[in-house]
Amino acid sequence: MLKILIVDDSEVDRLLMEGLLKQAIGFEVIWAENGRQALARIEEWSVDIVVTDLQMPEMDGLELVQQVRQIYPELPVILTTGVGSEHIASEALNQGAAGYVPKSELAKLLVPTVRNSLNLLNQQRSYNQLLNRAQIAQFSFTLENNPTHFAPLIDFCEKIMRGMVKLDRIERLRTAVAIEHAMNNALYRGNLEIAPEHCIALDGPKRDDHVELIIQERLKTAPYKDRKIRVAVKLTKSEFSIKIRDEGPGFDHGQIGSWSHNARGIILMKSFMDEVTYNEQGNEVVMCRRWSGDASKPVAPKPQSVTRQPKLLGKLNCNKTGKEVEMTVDKFMLGRQKSCHLVIPFQSVAENHCLLIHDGGNWYAKNMSNQEQGTLINGEPIDYNKIENGDQLTIGTYDYKIEY
């Protein structure tokens, strides 16, 4: 039987919605009084759809939509709104809600709205089942110098991966991050020939005005404006590969990987993909992600003939628990997923969490959360920052002092 979670602090409204849905669809109904309770119920039960009020204590419906979108992206959320909250409903729809129903029209619109969402969900499941039977998928794209094309391309690749292989969400996210950086390299550093020192500002929260002027001018000026980005995608049951080629003069591929040449994106690409190679000219990159059997696990490396004691690269000390964690790998994941090196199984930790990368003797932290304050260093939000010895790293409500 399908399970529906009704979230509302009004018992009268909960009973009304429960009666309408049970009578028309035959749902098993679970309820919660606010967003925080709702997240706990979702974690405990296998819920098919959520119907939530917007205005509630502790965590309102808008924040609940944002949390569900991040942690359970395939779980549809329907909003119910009172008079005067239409503008909030519009914002929630932009945040990823599947629909909304005014409370004054519950009896008329609730059941058809829920049915429509379920039909769309079933179509997506059928689509995934069909893709799961595919053995190979290949696509080629020719894109103009328009960064708005990148998100649909990345989303397309993510959906194909989700349908064809059982690659967990974090692994799909890592692949998406690698593709995004490769596309940005092709556009800005490749076709538009933006200098490496300026490319650093492209990923920041605010783009430098001088750099922005250069970009806008080159988007309208030959030869830059006429260049294209060519993308070839191939996915099988055991490998995802993507080739991205720009029409610029190419990188100095001998310097690729040096921090002094703005390789932040390239370091992430090499961290998240199993193989990253450039052609001799440096204007084409091929990235591969491989798996064997369980796609949520990367292909195991070949065993070494000599067993070596792992090198200690640093330690994480939890201020709350006093637990010390040794870091012996140069890519260290922290978060709620069981595949993480350090599992923090609490609701305060977003599913998209934090990646630590060891390079050149230093540690760097990459915020993997869509939340503005998903990862903090010394209380300040980060995107991708160097960690100094003794800095405090905050994930959710947990603080870790890093020593190396």
Protein backbone atom coordinates (compact mmCIF):
# COMPACT_ATOMS: atom_id res chain seq x y z
CA MET A 1 0.00 0.00 0.00
CA LEU A 2 1.23 3.49 -0.84
CA LYS A 3 2.32 5.60 2.13
CA ILE A 4 1.58 9.30 2.41
CA LEU A 5 3.02 11.63 5.03
CA ILE A 6 0.72 14.49 6.06
CA VAL A 7 2.52 17.35 7.81
CA ASP A 8 0.34 19.93 9.55
CA ASP A 9 0.17 21.37 13.07
CA SER A 10 -3.63 21.46 12.83
CA GLU A 11 -5.25 18.16 13.86
CA VAL A 12 -8.50 19.18 12.11
CA ASP A 13 -6.72 19.71 8.77
CA ARG A 14 -4.75 16.46 9.16
CA LEU A 15 -7.93 14.46 9.71
CA LEU A 16 -9.65 16.17 6.77
CA MET A 17 -6.79 15.36 4.36
CA GLU A 18 -6.46 11.82 5.72
CA GLY A 19 -10.17 11.17 5.09
CA LEU A 20 -10.06 12.56 1.55
CA LEU A 21 -7.00 10.53 0.56
CA LYS A 22 -8.04 7.26 2.20
CA GLN A 23 -11.46 7.39 0.58
CA ALA A 24 -10.18 8.17 -2.91
CA ILE A 25 -6.82 6.40 -3.17
CA GLY A 26 -6.49 4.05 -0.20
CA PHE A 27 -3.24 5.42 1.23
CA GLU A 28 -1.65 4.33 4.47
CA VAL A 29 -1.39 7.68 6.24
CA ILE A 30 1.46 8.78 8.50
CA TRP A 31 1.43 12.23 10.06
CA ALA A 32 3.75 14.81 11.62
CA GLU A 33 3.12 18.16 13.29
CA ASN A 34 6.10 20.06 11.83
CA GLY A 35 9.02 19.76 9.45
CA ARG A 36 11.45 18.30 11.99
CA GLN A 37 9.06 15.49 12.86
CA ALA A 38 8.44 14.97 9.15
CA LEU A 39 12.14 14.39 8.40
CA ALA A 40 12.29 11.81 11.19
CA ARG A 41 9.18 10.05 9.80
CA ILE A 42 10.65 10.01 6.27
CA GLU A 43 13.85 8.48 7.59
CA GLU A 44 11.88 5.84 9.52
CA TRP A 45 9.23 4.95 6.90
CA SER A 46 9.43 4.36 3.16
CA VAL A 47 7.16 7.27 2.21
CA ASP A 48 5.83 7.66 -1.35
CA ILE A 49 4.62 11.27 -1.18
CA VAL A 50 4.47 14.17 1.30
CA VAL A 51 1.62 16.65 1.76
CA THR A 52 2.66 19.55 3.99
CA ASP A 53 1.28 22.79 5.32
CA LEU A 54 3.45 25.86 4.75
CA GLN A 55 3.09 27.65 8.08
CA MET A 56 4.19 25.49 11.02
CA PRO A 57 6.33 25.91 14.15
CA GLU A 58 9.98 24.76 14.43
CA MET A 59 10.42 24.04 10.70
CA ASP A 60 7.93 25.38 8.17
CA GLY A 61 6.89 23.83 4.88
CA LEU A 62 9.32 25.89 2.78
CA GLU A 63 12.33 24.69 4.75
CA LEU A 64 10.95 21.13 4.67
CA VAL A 65 10.76 21.29 0.85
CA GLN A 66 14.39 22.43 0.74
CA GLN A 67 15.53 19.63 3.07
CA VAL A 68 13.59 16.92 1.22
CA ARG A 69 14.93 18.18 -2.11
CA GLN A 70 18.50 17.79 -0.84
CA ILE A 71 18.19 14.52 1.08
CA TYR A 72 15.38 12.71 -0.82
CA PRO A 73 15.38 14.27 -4.32
CA GLU A 74 12.93 11.74 -5.78
CA LEU A 75 10.28 12.18 -3.07
CA PRO A 76 7.46 14.50 -4.28
CA VAL A 77 6.12 17.17 -1.90
CA ILE A 78 2.66 18.77 -2.25
CA LEU A 79 2.00 22.03 -0.39
CA THR A 80 -1.23 23.16 1.23
CA THR A 81 -1.53 26.90 1.69
CA GLY A 82 -3.75 29.26 3.62
CA VAL A 83 -4.90 32.68 2.50
CA GLY A 84 -2.04 35.12 1.99
CA SER A 85 0.73 32.53 1.60
CA GLU A 86 0.64 32.26 -2.19
CA HIS A 87 3.97 34.09 -2.57
CA ILE A 88 5.61 31.60 -0.19
CA ALA A 89 4.06 28.74 -2.16
CA SER A 90 5.57 30.17 -5.34
CA GLU A 91 9.00 30.25 -3.69
CA ALA A 92 8.55 26.66 -2.49
CA LEU A 93 7.65 25.54 -6.02
CA ASN A 94 10.87 27.16 -7.22
CA GLN A 95 12.70 25.20 -4.51
CA GLY A 96 11.40 21.89 -5.87
CA ALA A 97 7.86 21.28 -4.57
CA ALA A 98 5.74 19.14 -6.91
CA GLY A 99 2.53 21.20 -6.54
CA TYR A 100 0.30 23.10 -4.15
CA VAL A 101 -3.34 23.22 -3.10
CA PRO A 102 -5.09 26.16 -1.34
CA LYS A 103 -6.67 24.96 1.91
CA SER A 104 -9.97 26.47 0.82
CA GLU A 105 -10.06 23.95 -2.07
CA LEU A 106 -8.75 20.79 -0.39
CA ALA A 107 -11.91 18.80 -1.07
CA LYS A 108 -11.79 19.69 -4.78
CA LEU A 109 -8.06 19.71 -5.63
CA LEU A 110 -6.10 17.59 -3.14
CA VAL A 111 -6.85 14.14 -4.58
CA PRO A 112 -6.29 15.02 -8.30
CA THR A 113 -3.05 16.88 -7.42
CA VAL A 114 -1.71 13.89 -5.50
CA ARG A 115 -2.81 11.50 -8.26
CA ASN A 116 -1.05 13.59 -10.90
CA SER A 117 2.20 13.60 -8.90
CA LEU A 118 1.99 9.84 -8.44
CA ASN A 119 1.43 9.32 -12.17
CA LEU A 120 4.52 11.39 -12.96
CA LEU A 121 6.50 9.46 -10.33
CA ASN A 122 5.39 6.14 -11.85
CA GLN A 123 6.39 7.35 -15.31
CA GLN A 124 9.87 8.20 -13.99
CA ARG A 125 10.14 4.76 -12.38
CA SER A 126 9.08 3.09 -15.63
CA TYR A 127 11.63 5.21 -17.49
CA ASN A 128 14.34 4.11 -15.04
CA GLN A 129 13.28 0.46 -15.42
CA LEU A 130 13.60 0.78 -19.20
CA LEU A 131 17.02 2.43 -18.92
CA ASN A 132 18.12 -0.27 -16.48
CA ARG A 133 17.75 -2.75 -19.36
CA ALA A 134 19.90 -0.68 -21.71
CA GLN A 135 23.41 -2.03 -22.35
CA ILE A 136 25.00 1.07 -23.86
CA ALA A 137 24.04 4.72 -24.34
CA GLN A 138 25.95 7.18 -26.54
CA PHE A 139 25.22 10.83 -27.24
CA SER A 140 27.03 13.70 -28.97
CA PHE A 141 26.39 17.41 -28.42
CA THR A 142 27.66 20.61 -30.04
CA LEU A 143 27.20 23.58 -27.70
CA GLU A 144 27.62 27.31 -28.14
CA ASN A 145 29.53 29.40 -25.60
CA ASN A 146 26.53 29.53 -23.27
CA PRO A 147 26.96 28.32 -19.67
CA THR A 148 23.17 27.90 -19.31
CA HIS A 149 23.51 24.77 -21.48
CA PHE A 150 25.74 23.09 -18.91
CA ALA A 151 23.16 22.36 -16.19
CA PRO A 152 20.74 20.54 -18.56
CA LEU A 153 23.64 18.51 -19.97
CA ILE A 154 24.83 17.52 -16.48
CA ASP A 155 21.26 16.72 -15.39
CA PHE A 156 20.82 14.57 -18.52
CA CYS A 157 23.99 12.59 -17.73
CA GLU A 158 22.89 12.16 -14.10
CA LYS A 159 19.48 10.83 -15.13
CA ILE A 160 20.98 8.37 -17.60
CA MET A 161 23.39 7.12 -14.91
CA ARG A 162 20.58 6.83 -12.38
CA GLY A 163 18.50 4.77 -14.80
CA MET A 164 21.19 2.49 -16.21
CA VAL A 165 23.32 1.64 -13.15
CA LYS A 166 22.88 1.52 -9.39
CA LEU A 167 25.26 4.39 -8.77
CA ASP A 168 24.48 6.03 -5.44
CA ARG A 169 23.61 9.71 -5.25
CA ILE A 170 26.98 10.83 -3.87
CA GLU A 171 28.84 9.10 -6.70
CA ARG A 172 26.51 10.72 -9.23
CA LEU A 173 27.10 14.06 -7.54
CA ARG A 174 30.87 13.63 -7.75
CA THR A 175 30.61 12.85 -11.44
CA ALA A 176 28.38 15.89 -11.98
CA VAL A 177 30.90 18.17 -10.21
CA ALA A 178 33.70 16.83 -12.42
CA ILE A 179 31.66 17.47 -15.59
CA GLU A 180 30.78 20.99 -14.45
CA HIS A 181 34.42 21.93 -13.90
CA ALA A 182 35.48 20.39 -17.22
CA MET A 183 32.77 22.36 -19.05
CA ASN A 184 33.79 25.59 -17.33
CA ASN A 185 37.43 24.95 -18.29
CA ALA A 186 36.38 24.38 -21.91
CA LEU A 187 34.35 27.60 -22.04
CA TYR A 188 36.35 30.11 -20.02
CA ARG A 189 39.93 28.92 -20.19
CA GLY A 190 39.51 27.25 -23.59
CA ASN A 191 37.18 29.06 -26.00
CA LEU A 192 37.25 32.48 -24.30
CA GLU A 193 40.96 32.24 -23.33
CA ILE A 194 40.44 33.74 -19.89
CA ALA A 195 43.81 33.83 -18.10
CA PRO A 196 44.33 31.17 -15.41
CA GLU A 197 44.65 33.73 -12.61
CA HIS A 198 41.21 35.12 -13.53
CA CYS A 199 39.60 31.66 -13.74
CA ILE A 200 39.92 31.33 -9.96
CA ALA A 201 37.34 34.11 -9.57
CA LEU A 202 34.83 32.30 -11.79
CA ASP A 203 33.95 29.81 -9.03
CA GLY A 204 33.70 32.42 -6.30
CA PRO A 205 30.46 33.82 -4.88
CA LYS A 206 30.97 37.13 -6.74
CA ARG A 207 32.70 37.40 -10.09
CA ASP A 208 35.28 40.16 -10.48
CA ASP A 209 33.79 43.07 -12.47
CA HIS A 210 36.88 43.35 -14.67
CA VAL A 211 36.76 39.64 -15.51
CA GLU A 212 33.03 39.88 -16.21
CA LEU A 213 33.65 42.68 -18.73
CA ILE A 214 36.28 40.57 -20.50
CA ILE A 215 33.90 37.59 -20.67
CA GLN A 216 30.98 39.62 -22.02
CA GLU A 217 33.18 41.30 -24.63
CA ARG A 218 34.65 38.01 -25.88
CA LEU A 219 31.20 36.42 -26.09
CA LYS A 220 30.46 39.04 -28.77
CA THR A 221 33.85 39.15 -30.50
CA ALA A 222 35.41 36.87 -33.14
CA PRO A 223 37.06 34.39 -33.00
CA TYR A 224 35.88 33.66 -29.43
CA LYS A 225 32.13 33.97 -30.04
CA ASP A 226 32.11 31.48 -32.92
CA ARG A 227 33.87 28.65 -31.10
CA LYS A 228 31.95 25.57 -30.04
CA ILE A 229 32.22 22.94 -27.29
CA ARG A 230 31.80 19.36 -28.45
CA VAL A 231 30.75 16.73 -25.95
CA ALA A 232 30.58 12.96 -26.43
CA VAL A 233 28.98 10.84 -23.69
CA LYS A 234 29.15 7.05 -23.43
CA LEU A 235 27.66 4.91 -20.69
CA THR A 236 27.77 1.14 -20.30
CA LYS A 237 26.99 -1.14 -17.38
CA SER A 238 30.58 -0.81 -16.17
CA GLU A 239 31.83 2.61 -17.29
CA PHE A 240 30.83 6.23 -17.82
CA SER A 241 33.05 8.33 -20.08
CA ILE A 242 32.74 11.88 -21.35
CA LYS A 243 34.92 13.66 -23.90
CA ILE A 244 34.85 17.48 -23.88
CA ARG A 245 36.66 19.41 -26.62
CA ASP A 246 36.87 23.17 -27.04
CA GLU A 247 38.16 25.16 -30.03
CA GLY A 248 40.64 27.28 -28.15
CA PRO A 249 44.44 27.13 -28.48
CA GLY A 250 44.68 24.54 -25.68
CA PHE A 251 46.23 24.32 -22.22
CA ASP A 252 49.86 23.84 -21.37
CA HIS A 253 49.05 20.26 -20.45
CA GLY A 254 52.45 19.81 -18.82
CA GLN A 255 51.31 22.27 -16.13
CA ILE A 256 47.86 20.76 -15.61
CA GLY A 257 47.58 19.71 -11.98
CA SER A 258 49.67 22.54 -10.55
CA TRP A 259 47.86 24.66 -7.98
CA SER A 260 49.70 27.72 -9.22
CA HIS A 261 47.97 27.36 -12.60
CA ASN A 262 44.40 27.37 -11.24
CA ALA A 263 43.93 23.62 -11.20
CA ARG A 264 41.24 23.68 -8.51
CA GLY A 265 38.67 22.28 -10.91
CA ILE A 266 41.17 19.83 -12.40
CA ILE A 267 42.11 18.56 -8.94
CA LEU A 268 38.42 17.89 -8.28
CA MET A 269 38.04 16.20 -11.64
CA LYS A 270 40.96 13.88 -10.88
CA SER A 271 39.58 13.26 -7.37
CA PHE A 272 36.08 12.33 -8.51
CA MET A 273 36.88 10.41 -11.70
CA ASP A 274 38.99 7.28 -12.13
CA GLU A 275 40.85 8.64 -15.15
CA VAL A 276 41.35 12.16 -16.55
CA THR A 277 43.49 12.58 -19.68
CA TYR A 278 44.17 15.50 -22.04
CA ASN A 279 45.22 15.40 -25.67
CA GLU A 280 48.62 16.76 -26.72
CA GLN A 281 47.22 20.19 -27.57
CA GLY A 282 45.39 20.41 -24.26
CA ASN A 283 41.97 21.37 -25.67
CA GLU A 284 40.30 17.99 -25.16
CA VAL A 285 39.73 16.10 -21.94
CA VAL A 286 38.44 12.55 -21.53
CA MET A 287 37.11 11.56 -18.09
CA CYS A 288 36.14 8.03 -17.09
CA ARG A 289 34.32 6.61 -14.08
CA ARG A 290 34.38 2.82 -13.75
CA TRP A 291 32.69 0.34 -11.46
CA SER A 292 32.42 -3.43 -11.11
CA GLY A 293 29.38 -5.34 -9.84
CA ASP A 294 27.98 -2.90 -7.27
CA ALA A 295 28.15 0.43 -9.04
CA SER A 296 28.10 2.33 -5.75
CA LYS A 297 31.62 1.03 -5.17
CA PRO A 298 34.55 2.03 -7.37
CA VAL A 299 36.63 -0.60 -9.11
CA ALA A 300 39.00 -2.02 -6.54
CA PRO A 301 42.67 -1.22 -7.22
CA LYS A 302 44.99 -4.06 -8.13
CA PRO A 303 46.62 -5.55 -5.06
CA GLN A 304 50.18 -4.43 -4.40
CA SER A 305 52.91 -7.03 -4.27
CA VAL A 306 54.32 -5.39 -1.14
CA THR A 307 52.13 -4.50 1.84
CA ARG A 308 52.96 -1.05 3.17
CA GLN A 309 51.83 0.64 6.35
CA PRO A 310 49.46 3.46 5.36
CA LYS A 311 50.96 6.91 5.78
CA LEU A 312 49.31 9.15 8.36
CA LEU A 313 48.27 12.37 6.58
CA GLY A 314 46.33 13.98 9.42
CA LYS A 315 43.84 13.57 12.23
CA LEU A 316 40.30 14.74 12.90
CA ASN A 317 39.35 15.25 16.56
CA CYS A 318 35.62 15.56 17.35
CA ASN A 319 35.00 18.23 20.01
CA LYS A 320 31.66 16.67 20.99
CA THR A 321 32.64 13.00 21.28
CA GLY A 322 36.40 13.23 21.80
CA LYS A 323 36.86 10.61 19.07
CA GLU A 324 40.04 10.84 17.01
CA VAL A 325 40.01 9.75 13.36
CA GLU A 326 43.22 9.14 11.44
CA MET A 327 43.34 10.20 7.77
CA THR A 328 45.48 7.86 5.68
CA VAL A 329 44.01 8.55 2.23
CA ASP A 330 44.34 11.72 0.16
CA LYS A 331 40.55 11.93 -0.52
CA PHE A 332 38.48 11.81 2.65
CA MET A 333 34.67 12.00 2.68
CA LEU A 334 32.61 13.10 5.70
CA GLY A 335 28.82 12.74 5.84
CA ARG A 336 25.78 10.51 6.34
CA GLN A 337 26.39 7.98 3.56
CA LYS A 338 27.65 4.54 4.60
CA SER A 339 30.31 4.84 1.90
CA CYS A 340 31.92 7.85 3.62
CA HIS A 341 35.27 7.49 5.35
CA LEU A 342 33.79 9.21 8.40
CA VAL A 343 30.06 8.53 8.82
CA ILE A 344 28.10 11.15 10.80
CA PRO A 345 24.63 9.52 10.90
CA PHE A 346 22.58 12.46 12.16
CA GLN A 347 19.82 14.59 10.66
CA SER A 348 21.87 17.78 11.07
CA VAL A 349 24.25 16.50 8.38
CA ALA A 350 23.06 17.02 4.82
CA GLU A 351 23.37 14.08 2.44
CA ASN A 352 25.69 16.19 0.29
CA HIS A 353 28.52 16.66 2.69
CA CYS A 354 32.23 17.49 2.72
CA LEU A 355 35.25 16.26 0.78
CA LEU A 356 38.80 16.71 2.10
CA ILE A 357 41.64 16.56 -0.43
CA HIS A 358 45.34 16.23 0.44
CA ASP A 359 47.62 17.88 -2.09
CA GLY A 360 51.15 19.24 -1.85
CA GLY A 361 51.33 18.55 1.87
CA ASN A 362 48.17 20.58 2.60
CA TRP A 363 44.52 19.71 3.20
CA TYR A 364 41.69 21.41 1.28
CA ALA A 365 37.96 21.22 2.07
CA LYS A 366 35.21 21.13 -0.59
CA ASN A 367 31.65 21.86 0.55
CA MET A 368 29.44 19.19 -1.07
CA SER A 369 26.18 20.54 0.38
CA ASN A 370 23.63 22.69 -1.43
CA GLN A 371 23.03 24.42 1.87
CA GLU A 372 24.67 27.84 2.18
CA GLN A 373 26.30 26.80 5.46
CA GLY A 374 26.76 23.11 4.81
CA THR A 375 30.45 23.12 5.81
CA LEU A 376 32.25 25.70 7.92
CA ILE A 377 35.89 26.40 8.70
CA ASN A 378 36.35 28.35 11.93
CA GLY A 379 32.68 29.30 11.74
CA GLU A 380 32.81 30.67 8.17
CA PRO A 381 31.02 29.10 5.15
CA ILE A 382 33.30 27.68 2.46
CA ASP A 383 33.20 26.53 -1.12
CA TYR A 384 36.68 25.11 -1.64
CA ASN A 385 39.24 26.30 0.94
CA LYS A 386 42.63 25.40 2.29
CA ILE A 387 42.60 24.11 5.86
CA GLU A 388 45.38 25.28 8.15
CA ASN A 389 46.73 23.02 10.88
CA GLY A 390 44.50 23.44 13.93
CA ASP A 391 41.47 24.81 12.07
CA GLN A 392 37.99 23.75 13.19
CA LEU A 393 35.81 22.05 10.57
CA THR A 394 32.03 22.07 11.23
CA ILE A 395 29.66 19.52 9.63
CA GLY A 396 26.06 20.00 10.79
CA THR A 397 26.32 20.36 14.58
CA TYR A 398 29.63 18.46 14.81
CA ASP A 399 32.98 20.24 15.13
CA TYR A 400 36.28 18.62 14.19
CA LYS A 401 39.75 20.01 14.82
CA ILE A 402 42.16 19.02 12.06
CA GLU A 403 45.81 18.35 12.82
CA TYR A 404 48.48 17.59 10.24
